[in-house]
Each structure stands twice: as structure tokens, then as C-alpha cells.
C-alpha atoms as a PDB file:
ATOM      1  CA  MET A   1      20.389 -20.156 -17.471  1.00  0.00           C
ATOM      2  CA  PHE A   2      20.015 -16.623 -16.079  1.00  0.00           C
ATOM      3  CA  THR A   3      21.284 -14.847 -19.173  1.00  0.00           C
ATOM      4  CA  GLY A   4      19.057 -11.880 -19.887  1.00  0.00           C
ATOM      5  CA  TRP A   5      16.962 -12.452 -16.769  1.00  0.00           C
ATOM      6  CA  VAL A   6      15.826  -9.253 -15.086  1.00  0.00           C
ATOM      7  CA  PRO A   7      14.238  -9.449 -11.644  1.00  0.00           C
ATOM      8  CA  PRO A   8      10.619  -8.308 -11.539  1.00  0.00           C
ATOM      9  CA  LYS A   9       9.876  -4.797 -10.349  1.00  0.00           C
ATOM     10  CA  VAL A  10       8.503  -5.026  -6.822  1.00  0.00           C
ATOM     11  CA  SER A  11       7.403  -1.434  -6.276  1.00  0.00           C
ATOM     12  CA  VAL A  12       4.989   0.636  -8.300  1.00  0.00           C
ATOM     13  CA  GLY A  13       5.986   3.895  -9.910  1.00  0.00           C
ATOM     14  CA  PHE A  14       7.094   5.476 -13.126  1.00  0.00           C
ATOM     15  CA  GLU A  15      10.596   4.797 -14.396  1.00  0.00           C
ATOM     16  CA  PRO A  16      13.230   7.086 -12.838  1.00  0.00           C
ATOM     17  CA  GLY A  17      13.336  10.410 -14.657  1.00  0.00           C
ATOM     18  CA  ALA A  18      10.007   9.818 -16.434  1.00  0.00           C
ATOM     19  CA  ILE A  19       8.359  12.768 -14.669  1.00  0.00           C
ATOM     20  CA  SER A  20      10.783  15.673 -14.883  1.00  0.00           C
ATOM     21  CA  GLY A  21      10.476  19.237 -13.666  1.00  0.00           C
ATOM     22  CA  SER A  22      11.357  21.223 -10.607  1.00  0.00           C
ATOM     23  CA  ARG A  23       7.927  22.585  -9.676  1.00  0.00           C
ATOM     24  CA  LEU A  24       5.637  20.136  -7.904  1.00  0.00           C
ATOM     25  CA  GLY A  25       2.561  21.418  -9.752  1.00  0.00           C
ATOM     26  CA  SER A  26       4.240  20.778 -13.114  1.00  0.00           C
ATOM     27  CA  ARG A  27       5.328  17.310 -12.069  1.00  0.00           C
ATOM     28  CA  ILE A  28       1.786  16.421 -10.928  1.00  0.00           C
ATOM     29  CA  SER A  29       0.365  17.652 -14.259  1.00  0.00           C
ATOM     30  CA  ARG A  30       2.946  15.592 -16.142  1.00  0.00           C
ATOM     31  CA  ALA A  31       2.161  12.504 -14.064  1.00  0.00           C
ATOM     32  CA  VAL A  32      -1.572  12.931 -14.716  1.00  0.00           C
ATOM     33  CA  ALA A  33      -0.914  13.418 -18.443  1.00  0.00           C
ATOM     34  CA  LYS A  34       1.333  10.336 -18.575  1.00  0.00           C
ATOM     35  CA  ALA A  35      -1.253   8.194 -16.763  1.00  0.00           C
ATOM     36  CA  LEU A  36      -3.996   9.356 -19.115  1.00  0.00           C
ATOM     37  CA  LYS A  37      -1.849   8.721 -22.177  1.00  0.00           C
ATOM     38  CA  GLU A  38      -0.684   5.256 -21.108  1.00  0.00           C
ATOM     39  CA  CYS A  39      -3.922   3.848 -19.658  1.00  0.00           C
ATOM     40  CA  GLY A  40      -5.368   2.829 -23.015  1.00  0.00           C
ATOM     41  CA  LYS A  41      -8.686   4.604 -22.424  1.00  0.00           C
ATOM     42  CA  ASP A  42      -9.964   7.829 -23.932  1.00  0.00           C
ATOM     43  CA  ARG A  43     -10.328  10.798 -21.590  1.00  0.00           C
ATOM     44  CA  GLY A  44     -14.113  10.776 -21.885  1.00  0.00           C
ATOM     45  CA  SER A  45     -14.243   7.201 -20.539  1.00  0.00           C
ATOM     46  CA  VAL A  46     -11.841   8.037 -17.712  1.00  0.00           C
ATOM     47  CA  ALA A  47     -13.926  11.118 -16.809  1.00  0.00           C
ATOM     48  CA  ALA A  48     -17.122   9.009 -16.799  1.00  0.00           C
ATOM     49  CA  GLN A  49     -15.559   6.364 -14.538  1.00  0.00           C
ATOM     50  CA  MET A  50     -14.262   9.042 -12.188  1.00  0.00           C
ATOM     51  CA  SER A  51     -17.694  10.709 -12.099  1.00  0.00           C
ATOM     52  CA  GLU A  52     -19.347   7.409 -11.231  1.00  0.00           C
ATOM     53  CA  ARG A  53     -16.846   6.677  -8.467  1.00  0.00           C
ATOM     54  CA  LEU A  54     -17.043  10.170  -6.959  1.00  0.00           C
ATOM     55  CA  GLY A  55     -20.774  10.766  -7.420  1.00  0.00           C
ATOM     56  CA  THR A  56     -19.973  14.189  -8.885  1.00  0.00           C
ATOM     57  CA  PRO A  57     -19.349  15.165 -12.486  1.00  0.00           C
ATOM     58  CA  VAL A  58     -15.824  15.088 -13.879  1.00  0.00           C
ATOM     59  CA  SER A  59     -15.506  16.249 -17.466  1.00  0.00           C
ATOM     60  CA  LYS A  60     -12.976  15.568 -20.174  1.00  0.00           C
ATOM     61  CA  ALA A  61     -12.116  19.295 -20.028  1.00  0.00           C
ATOM     62  CA  MET A  62     -11.310  18.957 -16.304  1.00  0.00           C
ATOM     63  CA  LEU A  63      -8.937  16.062 -17.035  1.00  0.00           C
ATOM     64  CA  GLU A  64      -7.263  18.113 -19.738  1.00  0.00           C
ATOM     65  CA  ALA A  65      -6.835  21.006 -17.285  1.00  0.00           C
ATOM     66  CA  TYR A  66      -5.325  18.664 -14.649  1.00  0.00           C
ATOM     67  CA  ALA A  67      -2.890  17.362 -17.266  1.00  0.00           C
ATOM     68  CA  SER A  68      -1.898  20.847 -18.445  1.00  0.00           C
ATOM     69  CA  GLU A  69       1.089  22.578 -16.878  1.00  0.00           C
ATOM     70  CA  ALA A  70      -0.185  25.891 -18.221  1.00  0.00           C
ATOM     71  CA  LYS A  71      -3.362  25.741 -16.119  1.00  0.00           C
ATOM     72  CA  ASP A  72      -1.910  25.952 -12.618  1.00  0.00           C
ATOM     73  CA  GLY A  73      -5.233  27.163 -11.197  1.00  0.00           C
ATOM     74  CA  ASN A  74      -6.804  23.773 -11.976  1.00  0.00           C
ATOM     75  CA  ASN A  75      -4.972  21.437  -9.625  1.00  0.00           C
ATOM     76  CA  ILE A  76      -6.392  17.962  -9.116  1.00  0.00           C
ATOM     77  CA  THR A  77      -7.800  17.278  -5.653  1.00  0.00           C
ATOM     78  CA  VAL A  78      -6.811  14.229  -3.622  1.00  0.00           C
ATOM     79  CA  GLU A  79     -10.182  12.511  -4.051  1.00  0.00           C
ATOM     80  CA  ARG A  80     -10.061  13.086  -7.811  1.00  0.00           C
ATOM     81  CA  PHE A  81      -6.468  11.854  -7.917  1.00  0.00           C
ATOM     82  CA  ILE A  82      -7.579   8.639  -6.197  1.00  0.00           C
ATOM     83  CA  ALA A  83     -10.506   8.296  -8.616  1.00  0.00           C
ATOM     84  CA  LEU A  84      -8.059   8.859 -11.500  1.00  0.00           C
ATOM     85  CA  ILE A  85      -5.898   5.979 -10.255  1.00  0.00           C
ATOM     86  CA  HIS A  86      -8.951   3.714 -10.092  1.00  0.00           C
ATOM     87  CA  ALA A  87     -10.234   4.781 -13.514  1.00  0.00           C
ATOM     88  CA  THR A  88      -6.881   4.474 -15.289  1.00  0.00           C
ATOM     89  CA  GLY A  89      -5.456   1.544 -13.319  1.00  0.00           C
ATOM     90  CA  LYS A  90      -2.156   3.455 -13.270  1.00  0.00           C
ATOM     91  CA  THR A  91      -0.886   2.613  -9.785  1.00  0.00           C
ATOM     92  CA  GLU A  92       2.380   4.231 -10.865  1.00  0.00           C
ATOM     93  CA  LEU A  93       0.726   7.426  -9.606  1.00  0.00           C
ATOM     94  CA  LEU A  94       0.915   6.017  -6.055  1.00  0.00           C
ATOM     95  CA  GLY A  95       4.653   5.518  -6.475  1.00  0.00           C
ATOM     96  CA  PHE A  96       4.956   9.051  -7.841  1.00  0.00           C
ATOM     97  CA  ILE A  97       3.555  10.408  -4.555  1.00  0.00           C
ATOM     98  CA  ALA A  98       5.635   8.077  -2.366  1.00  0.00           C
ATOM     99  CA  GLU A  99       8.952   8.852  -4.063  1.00  0.00           C
ATOM    100  CA  GLY A 100       8.688  12.456  -2.844  1.00  0.00           C
ATOM    101  CA  PHE A 101       9.030  11.067   0.681  1.00  0.00           C
ATOM    102  CA  ASP A 102      11.839   8.621  -0.150  1.00  0.00           C
ATOM    103  CA  MET A 103       9.312   5.794   0.162  1.00  0.00           C
ATOM    104  CA  ALA A 104       8.129   3.006  -2.106  1.00  0.00           C
ATOM    105  CA  VAL A 105       4.727   1.453  -2.693  1.00  0.00           C
ATOM    106  CA  VAL A 106       4.743  -2.321  -2.913  1.00  0.00           C
ATOM    107  CA  PRO A 107       1.890  -4.727  -3.629  1.00  0.00           C
ATOM    108  CA  LYS A 108       0.308  -6.172  -0.474  1.00  0.00           C
ATOM    109  CA  ARG A 109       1.511  -9.687  -1.418  1.00  0.00           C
ATOM    110  CA  TYR A 110       5.107  -8.589  -0.623  1.00  0.00           C
ATOM    111  CA  GLU A 111       4.310  -7.251   2.851  1.00  0.00           C
ATOM    112  CA  ASN A 112       5.101 -10.529   4.671  1.00  0.00           C
ATOM    113  CA  VAL A 113       8.369 -10.954   2.750  1.00  0.00           C
ATOM    114  CA  ILE A 114       9.468  -7.462   3.791  1.00  0.00           C
ATOM    115  CA  GLU A 115       8.506  -8.089   7.409  1.00  0.00           C
ATOM    116  CA  LEU A 116      10.483 -11.359   7.401  1.00  0.00           C
ATOM    117  CA  ALA A 117      13.543  -9.527   6.015  1.00  0.00           C
ATOM    118  CA  LEU A 118      13.244  -6.931   8.782  1.00  0.00           C
ATOM    119  CA  ILE A 119      13.011  -9.690  11.426  1.00  0.00           C
ATOM    120  CA  GLU A 120      16.087 -11.415   9.954  1.00  0.00           C
ATOM    121  CA  ASP A 121      18.015  -8.121  10.041  1.00  0.00           C
ATOM    122  CA  HIS A 122      17.001  -7.671  13.675  1.00  0.00           C
ATOM    123  CA  GLU A 123      18.066 -11.236  14.503  1.00  0.00           C
ATOM    124  CA  ARG A 124      21.510 -10.549  12.972  1.00  0.00           C
ATOM    125  CA  MET A 125      21.857  -7.370  15.023  1.00  0.00           C
ATOM    126  CA  ILE A 126      20.907  -9.213  18.214  1.00  0.00           C
ATOM    127  CA  GLY A 127      23.343 -12.044  17.376  1.00  0.00           C
ATOM    128  CA  ASN A 128      26.171  -9.551  16.847  1.00  0.00           C
ATOM    129  CA  TYR A 129      25.315  -7.783  20.102  1.00  0.00           C
ATOM    130  CA  LYS A 130      25.182 -11.127  21.946  1.00  0.00           C
ATOM    131  CA  ARG A 131      28.631 -12.128  20.601  1.00  0.00           C
ATOM    132  CA  THR A 132      30.059  -8.747  21.629  1.00  0.00           C
ATOM    133  CA  LEU A 133      28.724  -9.166  25.175  1.00  0.00           C
ATOM    134  CA  GLN A 134      30.043 -12.739  25.370  1.00  0.00           C
ATOM    135  CA  LEU A 135      33.534 -11.548  24.374  1.00  0.00           C
ATOM    136  CA  LYS A 136      33.404  -8.743  26.938  1.00  0.00           C
ATOM    137  CA  ALA A 137      32.215 -11.166  29.617  1.00  0.00           C
ATOM    138  CA  ARG A 138      35.236 -13.398  28.902  1.00  0.00           C
ATOM    139  CA  GLY A 139      37.511 -10.392  29.137  1.00  0.00           C
ATOM    140  CA  THR A 140      38.422 -10.452  25.458  1.00  0.00           C
ATOM    141  CA  ARG A 141      37.648  -7.773  23.024  1.00  0.00           C
END
């Protein structure tokens, strides 16, 4: 029944190892390039959507500079990075940022499930502590 079943991915991000490199600037450029390549839109459309969202012009040439490791003087700003995520729909970029902090980004619909798991863990810890105190109170250890 469960042959071949793979649990769904619960956090957003690129596959492990998909964005290689040791320099942060290079990794950001590679992530931008990957998002642009995989979003299914041409760079002109992405630039236009970003421009509309930001209220300032973003050109195709700017996107190409952000995606180029060779142009380290053209780093993407935070507001443009956010607009890029909206324009491309590539929420994997959020996971890319979070992984640098040993964190994960999960869809809001999983928030209650995570909180319940944390409460259950806490309940187990309290139960173990309670049993330990009961044993000590009885003089047994």
C-alpha cells in the first residue's frame, strides 16, 4: 500500500546542494538565476512585475546582473529580492535565506501542527519530571 510513497515536503527551499559555492554573494546570484530559470516566465515579464510591485523601474539587465556571479557590484536589495519572490512565485528563495540560520520556512497551514507537536513534547518532559519526583518522594530512585 505504501510502496513508493514519499511524504510531501513540508518546508520550502531548493533541494540540498542545489545552490553551491562558498561565497555568499555567489550563492545569492546562483539562487536568483535558478529562480529566474525555473519560474517559467521570461526575464522581461519578471522585471515588469517587480517594477509594478516596487513602484520603481527594474530592468531585464538588472535581473541579469543580479543573477551573474561576475557582477558582484550589482547585489540585489532586500526589497527587490522580496519583489523577485512575488514575481517568480519561487518561495524556495525564502528557504534559501532561512537555511543559512539553520531554520526552515513552512507554509502557514502547518503552524498549528508544529505548535501541537511542541506542546506534546513539553507534556512528555513534564510527565517524566513528575515520575522522577514521585520516585524520589517514595524514597526510590
